[in-house]
Protein backbone atom coordinates (compact mmCIF):
# COMPACT_ATOMS: atom_id res chain seq x y z
CA MET A 1 -43.15 -25.22 4.46
CA MET A 2 -43.08 -27.54 1.84
CA ALA A 3 -43.91 -26.16 -1.56
CA ALA A 4 -46.06 -28.16 -4.32
CA THR A 5 -42.84 -29.41 -5.83
CA GLY A 6 -41.86 -31.03 -2.79
CA LYS A 7 -39.12 -29.01 -2.18
CA LEU A 8 -38.40 -26.08 0.54
CA ALA A 9 -39.73 -23.06 -0.40
CA TYR A 10 -37.70 -20.21 -0.13
CA PHE A 11 -37.96 -17.91 3.07
CA ARG A 12 -40.05 -14.57 2.36
CA LEU A 13 -40.13 -11.77 5.16
CA PRO A 14 -43.58 -11.24 6.71
CA PRO A 15 -45.24 -7.84 6.12
CA LEU A 16 -43.25 -5.13 7.73
CA PRO A 17 -43.12 -1.41 7.79
CA THR A 18 -41.48 0.35 4.36
CA VAL A 19 -38.08 1.53 4.69
CA GLY A 20 -39.55 5.20 4.69
CA GLU A 21 -41.74 4.25 7.32
CA LEU A 22 -39.03 2.87 9.41
CA LEU A 23 -37.00 6.39 8.99
CA LYS A 24 -40.18 8.16 10.41
CA LEU A 25 -40.76 5.63 13.23
CA TYR A 26 -37.20 6.06 14.64
CA ASN A 27 -36.96 9.67 13.42
CA LEU A 28 -33.86 9.00 11.27
CA ARG A 29 -32.24 10.83 8.76
CA ALA A 30 -28.97 10.73 6.52
CA GLU A 31 -26.04 12.02 7.73
CA LYS A 32 -24.52 14.24 5.69
CA GLN A 33 -20.97 14.23 7.40
CA LEU A 34 -21.33 10.52 6.96
CA SER A 35 -22.00 10.57 3.24
CA GLN A 36 -25.12 8.82 3.76
CA ASN A 37 -27.53 7.62 1.00
CA PHE A 38 -30.41 5.51 1.24
CA LEU A 39 -31.86 3.52 -1.37
CA PHE A 40 -35.87 2.92 -1.11
CA ASP A 41 -36.88 1.24 -4.28
CA LEU A 42 -36.68 -2.56 -3.63
CA ARG A 43 -36.56 -3.15 -7.22
CA LEU A 44 -33.03 -1.50 -7.38
CA THR A 45 -31.92 -3.36 -4.21
CA ASP A 46 -33.25 -6.62 -5.65
CA LYS A 47 -31.35 -5.94 -8.79
CA ILE A 48 -28.36 -5.61 -6.84
CA VAL A 49 -28.66 -8.52 -5.19
CA ARG A 50 -29.31 -10.31 -8.22
CA GLN A 51 -25.49 -9.59 -9.24
CA ALA A 52 -24.32 -11.78 -7.03
CA GLY A 53 -25.76 -14.75 -8.83
CA SER A 54 -27.56 -17.76 -6.64
CA LEU A 55 -27.47 -16.60 -2.99
CA ARG A 56 -29.33 -20.09 -2.15
CA ASP A 57 -28.16 -21.44 1.19
CA ALA A 58 -25.26 -18.50 1.05
CA HIS A 59 -23.49 -16.76 3.92
CA VAL A 60 -23.89 -12.90 3.18
CA CYS A 61 -22.10 -9.81 5.35
CA GLU A 62 -23.54 -6.64 4.28
CA VAL A 63 -21.60 -3.58 5.02
CA GLY A 64 -23.52 -0.81 6.35
CA PRO A 65 -27.09 -1.95 5.85
CA GLY A 66 -28.33 1.56 7.43
CA PRO A 67 -32.17 1.34 7.53
CA GLY A 68 -32.19 -2.21 5.92
CA GLY A 69 -33.55 -1.92 2.27
CA LEU A 70 -30.55 -4.18 0.98
CA THR A 71 -30.83 -6.32 3.77
CA ARG A 72 -34.35 -7.23 3.09
CA SER A 73 -33.84 -8.19 -0.60
CA ILE A 74 -31.08 -10.20 0.68
CA LEU A 75 -33.10 -12.10 3.00
CA ASN A 76 -35.61 -12.57 0.25
CA ALA A 77 -33.02 -14.40 -1.87
CA GLY A 78 -32.83 -17.74 -0.12
CA VAL A 79 -29.79 -16.99 1.97
CA SER A 80 -28.79 -19.09 4.81
CA GLU A 81 -27.46 -16.57 6.93
CA VAL A 82 -26.90 -12.64 6.79
CA LEU A 83 -24.15 -10.54 9.13
CA VAL A 84 -24.67 -6.98 9.08
CA VAL A 85 -22.03 -4.58 10.07
CA GLU A 86 -23.65 -1.09 11.03
CA LYS A 87 -21.33 1.71 12.72
CA ASP A 88 -24.45 4.05 13.15
CA SER A 89 -26.46 3.06 16.55
CA ARG A 90 -29.33 5.13 15.31
CA PHE A 91 -29.94 1.88 12.72
CA ILE A 92 -29.62 -0.79 15.31
CA PRO A 93 -33.50 -0.72 16.67
CA GLY A 94 -34.36 -1.08 12.80
CA LEU A 95 -32.36 -3.87 12.07
CA LYS A 96 -33.00 -5.81 15.32
CA LEU A 97 -36.92 -5.65 13.80
CA LEU A 98 -35.78 -7.26 10.87
CA SER A 99 -33.94 -9.86 12.82
CA GLU A 100 -37.16 -10.66 14.67
CA ALA A 101 -39.22 -11.04 11.45
CA ALA A 102 -36.40 -13.31 10.24
CA PRO A 103 -35.65 -15.75 13.37
CA GLY A 104 -32.06 -17.19 13.50
CA MET A 105 -31.04 -15.50 10.09
CA LEU A 106 -29.66 -12.12 10.73
CA ARG A 107 -26.95 -11.35 13.00
CA ILE A 108 -26.09 -7.79 13.94
CA VAL A 109 -22.53 -6.36 14.69
CA HIS A 110 -22.64 -2.78 15.74
CA GLY A 111 -19.05 -1.89 14.73
CA ASP A 112 -16.78 -0.45 11.84
CA ILE A 113 -16.34 -2.10 8.97
CA LEU A 114 -12.53 -0.73 8.82
CA THR A 115 -11.68 -2.47 11.90
CA TYR A 116 -13.96 -5.26 12.25
CA ARG A 117 -12.35 -8.75 11.99
CA MET A 118 -14.37 -10.57 9.05
CA ASP A 119 -11.82 -13.61 9.48
CA ARG A 120 -14.02 -14.26 12.78
CA GLY A 121 -17.42 -13.60 11.43
CA PHE A 122 -18.10 -17.22 9.96
CA THR A 123 -17.37 -20.40 10.51
CA GLU A 124 -14.83 -22.63 8.99
CA ASN A 125 -16.83 -24.87 7.22
CA VAL A 126 -18.05 -21.96 5.22
CA SER A 127 -14.14 -21.93 3.62
CA LYS A 128 -13.03 -23.33 0.04
CA PRO A 129 -9.78 -23.88 -0.64
CA TRP A 130 -8.17 -20.98 -2.76
CA GLU A 131 -7.63 -23.05 -6.01
CA GLU A 132 -11.28 -23.96 -5.93
CA ASP A 133 -14.47 -22.70 -6.82
CA PRO A 134 -15.34 -19.42 -4.44
CA PRO A 135 -16.80 -20.17 -1.31
CA ASN A 136 -20.91 -19.76 -1.09
CA LEU A 137 -20.21 -16.26 0.95
CA HIS A 138 -20.65 -12.86 -0.63
CA ILE A 139 -19.95 -9.56 0.60
CA ILE A 140 -22.33 -6.89 -0.46
CA GLY A 141 -22.86 -3.20 0.41
CA ASN A 142 -24.23 0.00 -0.76
CA LEU A 143 -21.24 1.68 0.78
CA PRO A 144 -21.04 5.53 2.11
CA PHE A 145 -18.54 7.32 -0.33
CA SER A 146 -16.29 8.16 2.25
CA VAL A 147 -15.52 4.88 3.00
CA SER A 148 -15.77 3.02 -0.39
CA THR A 149 -12.32 3.58 -1.67
CA PRO A 150 -10.48 3.25 1.73
CA LEU A 151 -12.04 -0.16 2.14
CA ILE A 152 -11.82 -1.67 -1.24
CA ILE A 153 -7.92 -0.81 -1.03
CA LYS A 154 -7.78 -2.57 2.39
CA TRP A 155 -9.92 -5.52 0.80
CA LEU A 156 -7.54 -5.53 -2.19
CA GLU A 157 -4.56 -6.02 0.01
CA ASN A 158 -6.44 -8.62 2.13
CA ILE A 159 -7.01 -10.71 -1.20
CA ALA A 160 -3.12 -10.39 -1.94
CA ASN A 161 -2.42 -11.70 1.61
CA ARG A 162 -5.47 -14.06 1.78
CA THR A 163 -6.57 -12.41 4.98
CA GLY A 164 -9.74 -11.04 6.44
CA PRO A 165 -12.75 -12.00 4.62
CA PHE A 166 -10.31 -13.99 2.15
CA VAL A 167 -9.44 -16.42 4.69
CA TYR A 168 -12.52 -18.28 3.56
CA GLY A 169 -11.15 -18.16 -0.19
CA ARG A 170 -11.91 -16.10 -3.06
CA THR A 171 -15.04 -14.50 -1.46
CA ARG A 172 -17.05 -12.55 -4.09
CA LEU A 173 -17.83 -8.63 -3.73
CA ILE A 174 -20.89 -6.59 -4.51
CA LEU A 175 -20.10 -3.19 -3.80
CA THR A 176 -21.50 0.25 -4.86
CA PHE A 177 -19.17 3.15 -5.52
CA GLN A 178 -19.43 6.91 -7.14
CA LYS A 179 -19.92 6.27 -10.58
CA GLU A 180 -16.57 7.90 -11.15
CA VAL A 181 -14.61 5.42 -8.91
CA ALA A 182 -16.59 2.35 -10.85
CA GLU A 183 -15.14 3.40 -13.81
CA ARG A 184 -11.77 3.66 -12.56
CA LEU A 185 -11.97 0.12 -11.00
CA THR A 186 -13.10 -1.41 -14.39
CA ALA A 187 -11.52 1.17 -16.79
CA THR A 188 -9.50 -0.71 -19.75
CA THR A 189 -5.84 -0.08 -20.86
CA GLY A 190 -5.67 3.29 -23.06
CA SER A 191 -8.95 4.83 -21.36
CA LYS A 192 -9.29 8.25 -19.93
CA GLN A 193 -10.08 6.78 -16.68
CA ARG A 194 -7.22 4.46 -16.34
CA SER A 195 -5.74 4.77 -13.16
CA ARG A 196 -3.77 3.37 -9.98
CA LEU A 197 -7.14 2.00 -8.80
CA SER A 198 -7.84 0.19 -12.17
CA ILE A 199 -4.58 -1.55 -12.12
CA MET A 200 -4.48 -2.45 -8.14
CA ALA A 201 -8.12 -4.07 -8.40
CA GLN A 202 -7.19 -5.79 -11.99
CA TYR A 203 -4.34 -7.46 -11.31
CA LEU A 204 -6.03 -9.06 -8.05
CA CYS A 205 -9.72 -9.69 -9.43
CA THR A 206 -11.94 -10.06 -12.25
CA VAL A 207 -13.70 -6.74 -12.01
CA HIS A 208 -17.08 -5.83 -13.68
CA ASN A 209 -19.21 -2.92 -13.70
CA CYS A 210 -22.60 -4.05 -13.65
CA PHE A 211 -25.10 -1.28 -13.87
CA THR A 212 -25.39 2.14 -12.99
CA ILE A 213 -27.75 3.77 -10.44
CA PRO A 214 -29.20 7.38 -11.01
CA GLY A 215 -28.61 9.52 -8.05
CA ARG A 216 -32.18 10.20 -7.73
CA ALA A 217 -32.97 7.06 -6.80
CA PHE A 218 -31.59 7.52 -3.48
CA ILE A 219 -32.53 9.95 -0.30
CA PRO A 220 -31.11 12.14 0.04
CA LYS A 221 -29.96 12.68 -3.64
CA PRO A 222 -26.22 12.85 -4.22
CA LYS A 223 -24.52 14.75 -6.70
CA VAL A 224 -23.72 12.03 -8.70
CA ASP A 225 -24.77 8.37 -9.88
CA VAL A 226 -23.26 5.73 -8.42
CA GLY A 227 -22.16 2.43 -9.91
CA VAL A 228 -22.27 -1.35 -8.96
CA VAL A 229 -19.53 -3.35 -9.08
CA HIS A 230 -18.76 -6.94 -8.84
CA PHE A 231 -15.31 -8.41 -7.63
CA THR A 232 -14.01 -12.06 -8.29
CA PRO A 233 -10.45 -12.68 -6.65
CA LEU A 234 -8.30 -14.56 -9.25
CA VAL A 235 -6.87 -17.74 -8.30
CA GLN A 236 -3.33 -16.44 -9.37
CA PRO A 237 -2.47 -12.62 -9.41
CA GLN A 238 -1.41 -11.02 -12.17
CA ILE A 239 1.68 -9.79 -10.45
CA SER A 240 3.24 -12.02 -8.04
CA GLN A 241 5.24 -9.40 -5.90
CA PRO A 242 3.94 -8.09 -2.62
CA PHE A 243 1.35 -5.63 -1.97
CA LYS A 244 2.99 -3.08 -1.00
CA MET A 245 5.57 -3.21 -3.68
CA VAL A 246 3.26 -3.31 -6.34
CA GLU A 247 1.03 -0.26 -4.60
CA LYS A 248 4.31 1.64 -4.61
CA VAL A 249 5.53 1.17 -8.42
CA VAL A 250 1.83 1.64 -9.45
CA ARG A 251 1.42 4.87 -7.40
CA ASN A 252 4.51 6.42 -8.37
CA VAL A 253 4.20 5.47 -12.18
CA PHE A 254 0.64 7.24 -11.72
CA GLN A 255 1.85 10.57 -10.24
CA PHE A 256 2.37 12.01 -13.67
CA ARG A 257 -0.45 10.46 -15.57
CA ARG A 258 -0.06 12.58 -18.40
CA LYS A 259 3.87 12.42 -18.97
CA HIS A 260 5.77 9.43 -20.03
CA CYS A 261 5.97 6.69 -17.65
CA HIS A 262 9.62 6.73 -16.88
CA LYS A 263 9.31 10.14 -15.38
CA GLY A 264 7.07 8.44 -12.34
CA VAL A 265 9.49 5.25 -12.37
CA ALA A 266 12.47 7.93 -11.87
CA ASN A 267 10.79 9.01 -8.27
CA LEU A 268 11.37 5.07 -7.13
CA PHE A 269 15.19 6.19 -7.02
CA PRO A 270 17.30 8.72 -4.84
CA GLU A 271 18.40 11.85 -6.91
CA VAL A 272 22.13 10.65 -6.78
CA CYS A 273 21.60 7.40 -8.67
CA ARG A 274 18.17 8.49 -10.23
CA PRO A 275 18.98 8.38 -14.19
CA GLU A 276 20.90 5.20 -14.17
CA LEU A 277 18.48 2.98 -12.24
CA THR A 278 15.77 4.48 -14.10
CA GLN A 279 17.22 3.42 -17.44
CA GLU A 280 18.07 0.13 -16.03
CA MET A 281 14.68 -0.51 -14.63
CA MET A 282 13.00 0.41 -17.88
CA GLN A 283 15.47 -1.79 -19.92
CA LYS A 284 15.16 -4.82 -17.56
CA ALA A 285 11.23 -4.55 -17.87
CA ASP A 286 11.43 -4.06 -21.85
CA VAL A 287 8.84 -0.90 -21.34
CA ASP A 288 8.83 1.98 -23.84
CA PRO A 289 9.74 4.71 -21.63
CA ILE A 290 7.56 7.14 -23.67
CA LEU A 291 4.37 5.24 -23.12
CA ARG A 292 1.91 7.30 -20.51
CA PRO A 293 0.78 5.28 -17.53
CA THR A 294 -2.85 5.02 -18.86
CA GLU A 295 -1.10 3.13 -21.71
CA LEU A 296 0.58 0.45 -19.98
CA ALA A 297 -1.16 -3.10 -19.45
CA ILE A 298 -1.07 -5.39 -16.53
CA PRO A 299 1.85 -7.46 -18.03
CA GLN A 300 3.81 -4.24 -18.62
CA PHE A 301 3.31 -3.16 -14.83
CA ARG A 302 3.97 -6.95 -13.78
CA ALA A 303 7.18 -6.46 -15.76
CA LEU A 304 7.87 -3.02 -14.31
CA VAL A 305 7.38 -4.30 -10.60
CA ASP A 306 9.63 -7.24 -11.24
CA ALA A 307 12.49 -5.31 -12.33
CA TYR A 308 11.89 -2.77 -9.25
CA ALA A 309 11.86 -5.85 -7.03
CA HIS A 310 15.33 -7.40 -9.01
CA LEU A 311 16.97 -4.00 -8.16
CA CYS A 312 15.53 -3.94 -4.84
CA ALA A 313 17.22 -7.28 -4.03
CA HIS A 314 20.55 -6.02 -4.92
CA GLU A 315 20.07 -2.68 -2.93
CA PRO A 316 17.49 -3.13 -0.07
CA SER A 317 17.50 0.48 0.80
CA LEU A 318 15.82 1.18 -2.12
CA LEU A 319 12.62 -0.66 -0.66
CA SER A 320 12.17 2.17 2.06
CA TYR A 321 12.88 5.10 -0.17
CA GLU A 322 10.28 7.77 -0.57
CA PHE A 323 10.56 10.41 -3.11
CA ARG A 324 8.41 12.66 -1.19
CA GLU A 325 10.41 12.60 1.73
CA GLU A 326 13.82 13.24 0.29
CA LEU A 327 11.66 16.61 -1.47
CA ARG A 328 10.82 17.15 2.09
CA LEU A 329 14.14 17.09 3.60
CA LYS A 330 16.01 18.88 0.74
CA ARG A 331 12.94 21.75 1.43
CA LEU A 332 13.69 21.57 5.02
CA SER A 333 17.74 21.82 4.54
CA LYS A 334 17.12 24.94 2.22
CA LEU A 335 15.13 26.78 4.95
CA ARG A 336 17.82 25.89 7.81
CA ASN A 337 20.51 27.39 5.48
CA LYS A 338 18.49 30.48 4.79
CA THR A 339 17.87 31.15 8.16
CA LYS A 340 21.54 30.82 9.23
CA GLY A 341 22.56 33.06 6.46
CA THR A 342 20.27 35.57 7.31
CA THR A 343 22.05 38.18 9.92
CA PRO A 344 19.85 40.63 11.87
CA SER A 345 20.24 44.42 10.41
CA PRO A 346 21.97 46.64 12.82
CA GLN A 347 19.51 48.82 14.79
CA GLN A 348 18.81 52.24 13.22
CA PRO A 349 19.14 55.17 15.14
CA TYR A 350 16.33 57.24 16.04
């Protein structure tokens, strides 16, 4: 259909049952154990979609569409196609209804986003070289709280390795999180919310906390508000070492978030050489050992990870060392020694 301007008009969904009516029609309700919360207000779902910028002719993967409220807003945004990945089979009939109302535009995958091979979800012509602008491909999702953090960690590793959704280039993400998690993802140096998640997200992406949705907007109402976060992968990560190594250093540093950062760094090394190697790493990185983890900027984390990589190059066994494992073995050894040293008391006469 041609618009008055001579340009093709955007596709608009025909009149359909509301999301609320669909839930009644299929006798659906949110499952507490799956931490599901539905968003019925189409003004809010439209606002989420607008954070992606123009979606004209875009390819979109929506994660966990549920009853399809957000899906409707995506379909009405002028997209080329939408791929939805839904684990809960109860929502498939309602999504099929949407698919029939948008012929050729909506593909439904009944599966788990944590295991789904998104690198096979779209054709190669969607791809853009990493160094160029991001591809016209977006991932959008109102995620269950139980899935959101493990999923973003998985996708951050995919970004570092340019795998999964990022085989197509610097695919952008719009995702919802508990407000507290959204604040951690975007926290600046020195702020109370600064955490391991802040560093892992920000060394790989430009991260923006778009807006907050009050909990009362969801059905059922969660106990917390929800933050909408936008991620754009950086052309060049701010730390160039392997993801697993970065994660290990950052995790150990934040293990004692209220103490001086050298305390966490020390746990990267076996007890026999801990003081010497901790001092060597801090000096090589030129990081003040009495700064707290929340006070370290990403360039300082980069220096720490580079210093750790240098030490590992000279002593590769450090890579596989885990402080908690050494602690576990020590406790086990103490327990065995204690058991060996205990002799049964002689039986007392009646």
